[in-house]
Amino acid sequence: MDNVLIPIAIDIATGKRVDVADVANGADCGCVCQSCEIDVVAKQGDLKAWHFAHNPHSQRKAVRVCDVSFYSSAKVFIRQLFLEGLINAIKTPDFILQGLHGATEVVTKSQSVTNFVVDELSPLHITLSLGAHKLHLYFRHRENVSDLDTLPPENGVLAIHLDHIEDAYFNSPSKRTFTETITQFFESGDAGKEWLYHPKLNSAKQQLLIKENNLRPAFITSRQMRNFNESLAKRDQELVTGKLSCPKCKHEWKGRNYWDIHVKTRFKKSTQLDQKNQAGDRKIRSGISIEFLCAKMPNLAR
């Protein structure tokens, strides 16, 4: 504890974890360390965020080597606040999928979840019952490397980033108590929360795939392109009027080279549209690839 600022300790009289703001200052706090169980003092100064520290004059002997950390303390204290009914709402963030070609699909919008019941507590998560549904609050921080294999896949899983709570308490200019910091984190704002899974995720992925397929460029192989250019060159020679026409959009123009006049010119125009139309990229994938911009943006053929 001497190297880590911990705002939580165990009250000797009640055996419950208490916020440093809810006890007397100094050695009169009547608390012990959560890990080694020696006496602590409450540090309620003006320079640092309030916290507990080991009392060097403690008459108690350590029952074990102290391994207390902010994250382990925060997880236990958060569970206690939920059980005591001091956290009455959870503001969930947006969950929006982003495709490679610019398509998006909303899984769920940000909302305030209330009227929940604490269903299960574990070292890694809290399970809340919301009628017929369940929501797992999964604790994450820079020291946490565990996975989600133990959580049922049919329920929502919301990551709670304890690092954000730590920064909000120790680095905030406002002198909020640790309890106030936690309740404000859960009840307002989206920062520090992240959807890891949602019951609507799979259906949203299917909808996103449909949108992506509609936006994905049309690719042709190098052989197809060579045959395509040969057919256009033959048509170019056969046109007595000196006009060319695209076999895809039927647009006609004067000239002899399909690539330079039709495709390349269209690509420049599409770039100037600032992606107003979701087709502006030419990519190379297993050979030469061409996007028929005329099929995506018929207005350019006019």
Protein backbone atom coordinates (compact mmCIF):
# COMPACT_ATOMS: atom_id res chain seq x y z
CA MET A 1 0.00 0.00 0.00
CA ASP A 2 2.95 2.30 0.58
CA ASN A 3 3.68 2.45 -3.16
CA VAL A 4 0.04 2.44 -4.31
CA LEU A 5 -2.66 4.93 -3.39
CA ILE A 6 -5.71 3.00 -2.17
CA PRO A 7 -8.91 4.91 -1.30
CA ILE A 8 -10.54 1.86 0.36
CA ALA A 9 -9.91 0.10 3.68
CA ILE A 10 -11.82 -2.18 6.06
CA ASP A 11 -13.67 -0.58 8.94
CA ILE A 12 -12.77 -2.45 12.14
CA ALA A 13 -16.16 -1.88 13.75
CA THR A 14 -18.34 -3.10 10.86
CA GLY A 15 -15.98 -5.28 8.81
CA LYS A 16 -17.11 -3.46 5.67
CA ARG A 17 -14.99 -1.64 3.13
CA VAL A 18 -15.25 2.12 3.49
CA ASP A 19 -14.35 5.15 1.42
CA VAL A 20 -11.49 7.23 2.85
CA ALA A 21 -13.85 10.23 2.73
CA ASP A 22 -16.26 8.54 5.16
CA VAL A 23 -13.84 8.14 8.09
CA ALA A 24 -11.89 10.39 10.41
CA ASN A 25 -8.55 11.74 9.27
CA GLY A 26 -5.28 10.16 10.36
CA ALA A 27 -4.93 7.22 12.73
CA ASP A 28 -8.42 7.85 14.14
CA CYS A 29 -10.00 6.34 11.01
CA GLY A 30 -10.36 2.96 12.75
CA CYS A 31 -9.50 0.93 9.66
CA VAL A 32 -7.12 -1.84 8.63
CA CYS A 33 -5.54 -2.81 5.32
CA GLN A 34 -7.64 -5.11 3.13
CA SER A 35 -4.68 -7.40 2.45
CA CYS A 36 -2.24 -7.59 5.37
CA GLU A 37 -4.77 -6.35 7.98
CA ILE A 38 -2.45 -3.97 9.83
CA ASP A 39 -3.67 -0.54 10.94
CA VAL A 40 -3.87 2.21 8.35
CA VAL A 41 -4.10 5.99 8.50
CA ALA A 42 -6.39 8.16 6.39
CA LYS A 43 -4.53 10.71 4.30
CA GLN A 44 -6.98 13.57 3.73
CA GLY A 45 -4.60 16.29 2.59
CA ASP A 46 -4.77 19.02 -0.02
CA LEU A 47 -2.04 17.92 -2.43
CA LYS A 48 -3.02 14.37 -3.35
CA ALA A 49 -6.29 12.55 -3.77
CA TRP A 50 -7.39 11.16 -0.41
CA HIS A 51 -6.14 7.65 0.31
CA PHE A 52 -5.07 5.22 3.02
CA ALA A 53 -1.52 4.30 4.03
CA HIS A 54 -0.02 1.75 6.40
CA ASN A 55 0.40 3.00 9.94
CA PRO A 56 4.10 2.61 10.79
CA HIS A 57 3.15 2.50 14.49
CA SER A 58 0.55 -0.24 14.12
CA GLN A 59 0.31 -2.70 16.99
CA ARG A 60 -1.16 -5.35 14.69
CA LYS A 61 1.03 -7.88 12.95
CA ALA A 62 0.60 -8.48 9.26
CA VAL A 63 -1.24 -11.74 8.60
CA ARG A 64 0.30 -12.00 5.12
CA VAL A 65 2.56 -10.15 2.74
CA CYS A 66 0.61 -7.12 1.54
CA ASP A 67 -0.39 -7.43 -2.10
CA VAL A 68 -3.23 -4.91 -2.17
CA SER A 69 -3.80 -3.11 -5.48
CA PHE A 70 -6.13 -0.40 -6.66
CA TYR A 71 -7.90 -2.75 -9.09
CA SER A 72 -8.63 -5.53 -6.61
CA SER A 73 -9.88 -2.94 -4.10
CA ALA A 74 -12.06 -1.21 -6.69
CA LYS A 75 -13.68 -4.45 -7.88
CA VAL A 76 -14.67 -5.49 -4.35
CA PHE A 77 -15.92 -2.01 -3.48
CA ILE A 78 -17.98 -1.75 -6.68
CA ARG A 79 -19.66 -5.05 -5.89
CA GLN A 80 -20.46 -3.74 -2.41
CA LEU A 81 -22.01 -0.56 -3.85
CA PHE A 82 -24.23 -2.62 -6.15
CA LEU A 83 -25.38 -4.86 -3.29
CA GLU A 84 -26.17 -1.82 -1.14
CA GLY A 85 -28.23 -0.25 -3.93
CA LEU A 86 -26.01 2.82 -4.23
CA ILE A 87 -25.67 2.41 -8.01
CA ASN A 88 -29.15 2.83 -9.46
CA ALA A 89 -28.46 3.15 -13.20
CA ILE A 90 -25.91 2.18 -15.83
CA LYS A 91 -25.32 4.37 -18.87
CA THR A 92 -24.36 2.03 -21.71
CA PRO A 93 -22.39 3.26 -24.76
CA ASP A 94 -23.23 3.03 -28.45
CA PHE A 95 -22.31 -0.23 -30.16
CA ILE A 96 -21.82 0.44 -33.89
CA LEU A 97 -20.08 -1.88 -36.35
CA GLN A 98 -17.84 -0.31 -39.01
CA GLY A 99 -17.22 -2.03 -42.34
CA LEU A 100 -14.13 -1.87 -44.53
CA HIS A 101 -15.97 -0.06 -47.33
CA GLY A 102 -17.63 2.60 -45.16
CA ALA A 103 -20.87 0.84 -44.20
CA THR A 104 -22.09 0.98 -40.60
CA GLU A 105 -24.66 -1.00 -38.64
CA VAL A 106 -26.04 -0.08 -35.21
CA VAL A 107 -26.13 -2.95 -32.73
CA THR A 108 -27.52 -0.81 -29.91
CA LYS A 109 -27.66 2.87 -29.04
CA SER A 110 -26.55 4.44 -25.80
CA GLN A 111 -29.18 4.22 -23.08
CA SER A 112 -29.67 4.29 -19.32
CA VAL A 113 -30.35 0.85 -17.83
CA THR A 114 -32.37 0.84 -14.60
CA ASN A 115 -34.54 -1.55 -12.57
CA PHE A 116 -31.91 -4.28 -12.50
CA VAL A 117 -31.26 -6.91 -9.85
CA VAL A 118 -27.83 -8.15 -8.82
CA ASP A 119 -27.88 -11.82 -9.82
CA GLU A 120 -24.30 -13.02 -9.41
CA LEU A 121 -20.97 -11.76 -8.12
CA SER A 122 -17.56 -13.11 -9.08
CA PRO A 123 -13.98 -11.80 -8.96
CA LEU A 124 -14.15 -10.90 -12.67
CA HIS A 125 -17.71 -9.76 -13.27
CA ILE A 126 -21.11 -8.78 -11.92
CA THR A 127 -24.24 -10.29 -13.48
CA LEU A 128 -27.39 -8.17 -13.49
CA SER A 129 -30.88 -9.46 -14.29
CA LEU A 130 -33.01 -7.23 -16.52
CA GLY A 131 -36.28 -9.10 -16.67
CA ALA A 132 -35.72 -11.98 -19.09
CA HIS A 133 -32.26 -10.71 -20.03
CA LYS A 134 -28.92 -10.62 -18.25
CA LEU A 135 -26.07 -8.16 -18.45
CA HIS A 136 -22.51 -9.05 -17.40
CA LEU A 137 -20.30 -6.21 -16.19
CA TYR A 138 -16.81 -7.49 -16.92
CA PHE A 139 -13.90 -5.81 -15.12
CA ARG A 140 -10.89 -4.93 -17.25
CA HIS A 141 -7.64 -3.13 -16.48
CA ARG A 142 -4.00 -3.12 -17.52
CA GLU A 143 -3.17 -5.98 -15.17
CA ASN A 144 -6.09 -8.20 -16.24
CA VAL A 145 -5.32 -10.89 -18.83
CA SER A 146 -8.28 -13.25 -18.27
CA ASP A 147 -10.77 -14.13 -21.01
CA LEU A 148 -14.54 -14.37 -21.34
CA ASP A 149 -14.90 -18.14 -21.74
CA THR A 150 -16.91 -18.46 -18.52
CA LEU A 151 -19.63 -16.01 -19.59
CA PRO A 152 -22.73 -17.27 -21.45
CA PRO A 153 -22.64 -16.10 -25.09
CA GLU A 154 -26.36 -15.29 -25.23
CA ASN A 155 -26.11 -12.44 -22.72
CA GLY A 156 -24.75 -8.91 -23.09
CA VAL A 157 -21.19 -8.34 -21.89
CA LEU A 158 -20.14 -4.78 -21.04
CA ALA A 159 -16.47 -4.15 -20.22
CA ILE A 160 -15.82 -1.85 -17.27
CA HIS A 161 -12.37 -0.30 -17.59
CA LEU A 162 -11.08 0.26 -14.06
CA ASP A 163 -8.19 2.32 -15.44
CA HIS A 164 -10.72 5.00 -16.35
CA ILE A 165 -12.10 5.05 -12.80
CA GLU A 166 -8.56 5.26 -11.43
CA ASP A 167 -7.69 8.23 -13.66
CA ALA A 168 -11.00 9.95 -12.91
CA TYR A 169 -10.37 9.76 -9.16
CA PHE A 170 -6.67 10.57 -8.89
CA ASN A 171 -6.34 13.04 -11.78
CA SER A 172 -9.65 14.91 -11.64
CA PRO A 173 -9.43 18.56 -10.52
CA SER A 174 -12.75 18.19 -8.70
CA LYS A 175 -12.51 16.77 -5.20
CA ARG A 176 -15.04 13.96 -5.60
CA THR A 177 -15.06 11.08 -3.18
CA PHE A 178 -14.22 7.63 -4.49
CA THR A 179 -17.86 6.58 -4.05
CA GLU A 180 -19.04 9.61 -6.05
CA THR A 181 -16.47 8.87 -8.75
CA ILE A 182 -17.76 5.30 -9.17
CA THR A 183 -21.47 6.18 -9.15
CA GLN A 184 -20.92 8.98 -11.67
CA PHE A 185 -18.93 6.63 -13.88
CA PHE A 186 -21.77 4.09 -14.04
CA GLU A 187 -24.73 6.47 -14.16
CA SER A 188 -23.49 9.07 -16.69
CA GLY A 189 -21.14 9.17 -19.64
CA ASP A 190 -19.93 6.52 -22.08
CA ALA A 191 -16.18 6.72 -21.43
CA GLY A 192 -14.55 3.69 -19.86
CA LYS A 193 -17.27 1.26 -21.02
CA GLU A 194 -17.15 -1.00 -24.05
CA TRP A 195 -19.51 -3.60 -25.47
CA LEU A 196 -17.75 -6.96 -25.82
CA TYR A 197 -20.90 -8.80 -26.86
CA HIS A 198 -24.57 -8.06 -27.40
CA PRO A 199 -27.45 -10.45 -28.21
CA LYS A 200 -28.09 -8.49 -31.42
CA LEU A 201 -24.46 -8.66 -32.56
CA ASN A 202 -24.76 -11.62 -34.96
CA SER A 203 -27.81 -10.23 -36.77
CA ALA A 204 -26.09 -6.84 -37.01
CA LYS A 205 -23.03 -8.49 -38.57
CA GLN A 206 -25.24 -10.07 -41.25
CA GLN A 207 -26.84 -6.72 -42.05
CA LEU A 208 -23.42 -5.09 -42.24
CA LEU A 209 -22.24 -7.79 -44.65
CA ILE A 210 -25.18 -7.07 -46.95
CA LYS A 211 -24.36 -3.36 -46.93
CA GLU A 212 -20.68 -4.07 -47.55
CA ASN A 213 -21.48 -6.29 -50.53
CA ASN A 214 -23.48 -3.46 -52.07
CA LEU A 215 -20.53 -1.09 -51.65
CA ARG A 216 -17.70 -3.48 -52.52
CA PRO A 217 -15.98 -2.64 -55.85
CA ALA A 218 -16.31 -5.03 -58.79
CA PHE A 219 -12.98 -6.80 -59.41
CA ILE A 220 -11.84 -8.55 -62.58
CA THR A 221 -8.72 -10.63 -63.26
CA SER A 222 -5.86 -9.57 -65.51
CA ARG A 223 -7.03 -11.97 -68.25
CA GLN A 224 -10.56 -10.59 -68.08
CA MET A 225 -9.18 -7.09 -68.33
CA ARG A 226 -7.06 -8.01 -71.37
CA ASN A 227 -10.06 -9.56 -73.11
CA PHE A 228 -12.12 -6.56 -72.12
CA ASN A 229 -9.62 -4.10 -73.61
CA GLU A 230 -9.31 -6.19 -76.76
CA SER A 231 -13.06 -6.16 -77.30
CA LEU A 232 -13.13 -2.41 -76.74
CA ALA A 233 -10.24 -1.86 -79.11
CA LYS A 234 -12.06 -3.86 -81.76
CA ARG A 235 -15.21 -1.83 -81.22
CA ASP A 236 -13.14 1.36 -81.39
CA GLN A 237 -11.85 0.40 -84.82
CA GLU A 238 -15.31 -0.48 -86.05
CA LEU A 239 -16.89 2.83 -85.06
CA VAL A 240 -17.06 5.00 -88.16
CA THR A 241 -18.38 8.00 -86.26
CA GLY A 242 -15.31 8.12 -83.98
CA LYS A 243 -17.42 7.58 -80.83
CA LEU A 244 -16.97 4.97 -78.11
CA SER A 245 -19.62 3.52 -75.85
CA CYS A 246 -19.34 1.73 -72.53
CA PRO A 247 -20.97 -1.73 -72.57
CA LYS A 248 -22.01 -1.23 -68.95
CA CYS A 249 -23.68 2.20 -68.84
CA LYS A 250 -24.03 2.79 -72.62
CA HIS A 251 -22.37 6.18 -72.25
CA GLU A 252 -20.82 7.47 -75.48
CA TRP A 253 -17.81 9.76 -75.96
CA LYS A 254 -15.24 10.68 -78.58
CA GLY A 255 -11.84 9.00 -78.53
CA ARG A 256 -10.03 5.69 -78.98
CA ASN A 257 -8.79 4.60 -75.53
CA TYR A 258 -11.33 3.23 -73.06
CA TRP A 259 -9.04 3.32 -69.99
CA ASP A 260 -7.72 6.89 -70.36
CA ILE A 261 -11.01 8.51 -71.25
CA HIS A 262 -13.73 6.52 -69.56
CA VAL A 263 -12.37 4.90 -66.42
CA LYS A 264 -9.54 7.26 -65.50
CA THR A 265 -11.63 10.39 -66.07
CA ARG A 266 -14.43 8.95 -64.00
CA PHE A 267 -12.05 8.09 -61.17
CA LYS A 268 -10.86 11.70 -60.97
CA LYS A 269 -14.43 12.96 -60.88
CA SER A 270 -15.43 10.52 -58.16
CA THR A 271 -12.51 11.72 -56.00
CA GLN A 272 -13.79 15.28 -56.27
CA LEU A 273 -17.14 14.19 -54.87
CA ASP A 274 -15.57 13.70 -51.40
CA GLN A 275 -16.93 10.17 -51.20
CA LYS A 276 -20.51 11.36 -51.55
CA ASN A 277 -20.97 8.18 -53.53
CA GLN A 278 -19.52 5.12 -51.81
CA ALA A 279 -17.31 4.14 -54.73
CA GLY A 280 -14.05 5.87 -55.36
CA ASP A 281 -11.24 3.40 -54.80
CA ARG A 282 -9.30 1.30 -57.26
CA LYS A 283 -7.46 -1.58 -55.63
CA ILE A 284 -5.22 -4.42 -56.78
CA ARG A 285 -6.34 -7.81 -55.56
CA SER A 286 -4.95 -10.99 -57.19
CA GLY A 287 -4.17 -9.19 -60.43
CA ILE A 288 -5.40 -5.98 -61.99
CA SER A 289 -8.72 -4.72 -60.71
CA ILE A 290 -11.12 -2.18 -62.07
CA GLU A 291 -14.17 -0.65 -60.49
CA PHE A 292 -16.92 0.19 -62.91
CA LEU A 293 -17.71 3.62 -61.54
CA CYS A 294 -20.35 4.09 -64.19
CA ALA A 295 -22.44 1.37 -62.53
CA LYS A 296 -22.13 3.06 -59.14
CA MET A 297 -22.53 6.66 -60.29
CA PRO A 298 -24.68 6.87 -63.41
CA ASN A 299 -24.85 10.67 -63.02
CA LEU A 300 -21.24 10.87 -64.24
CA ALA A 301 -22.27 9.28 -67.52
CA ARG A 302 -24.35 12.26 -68.44
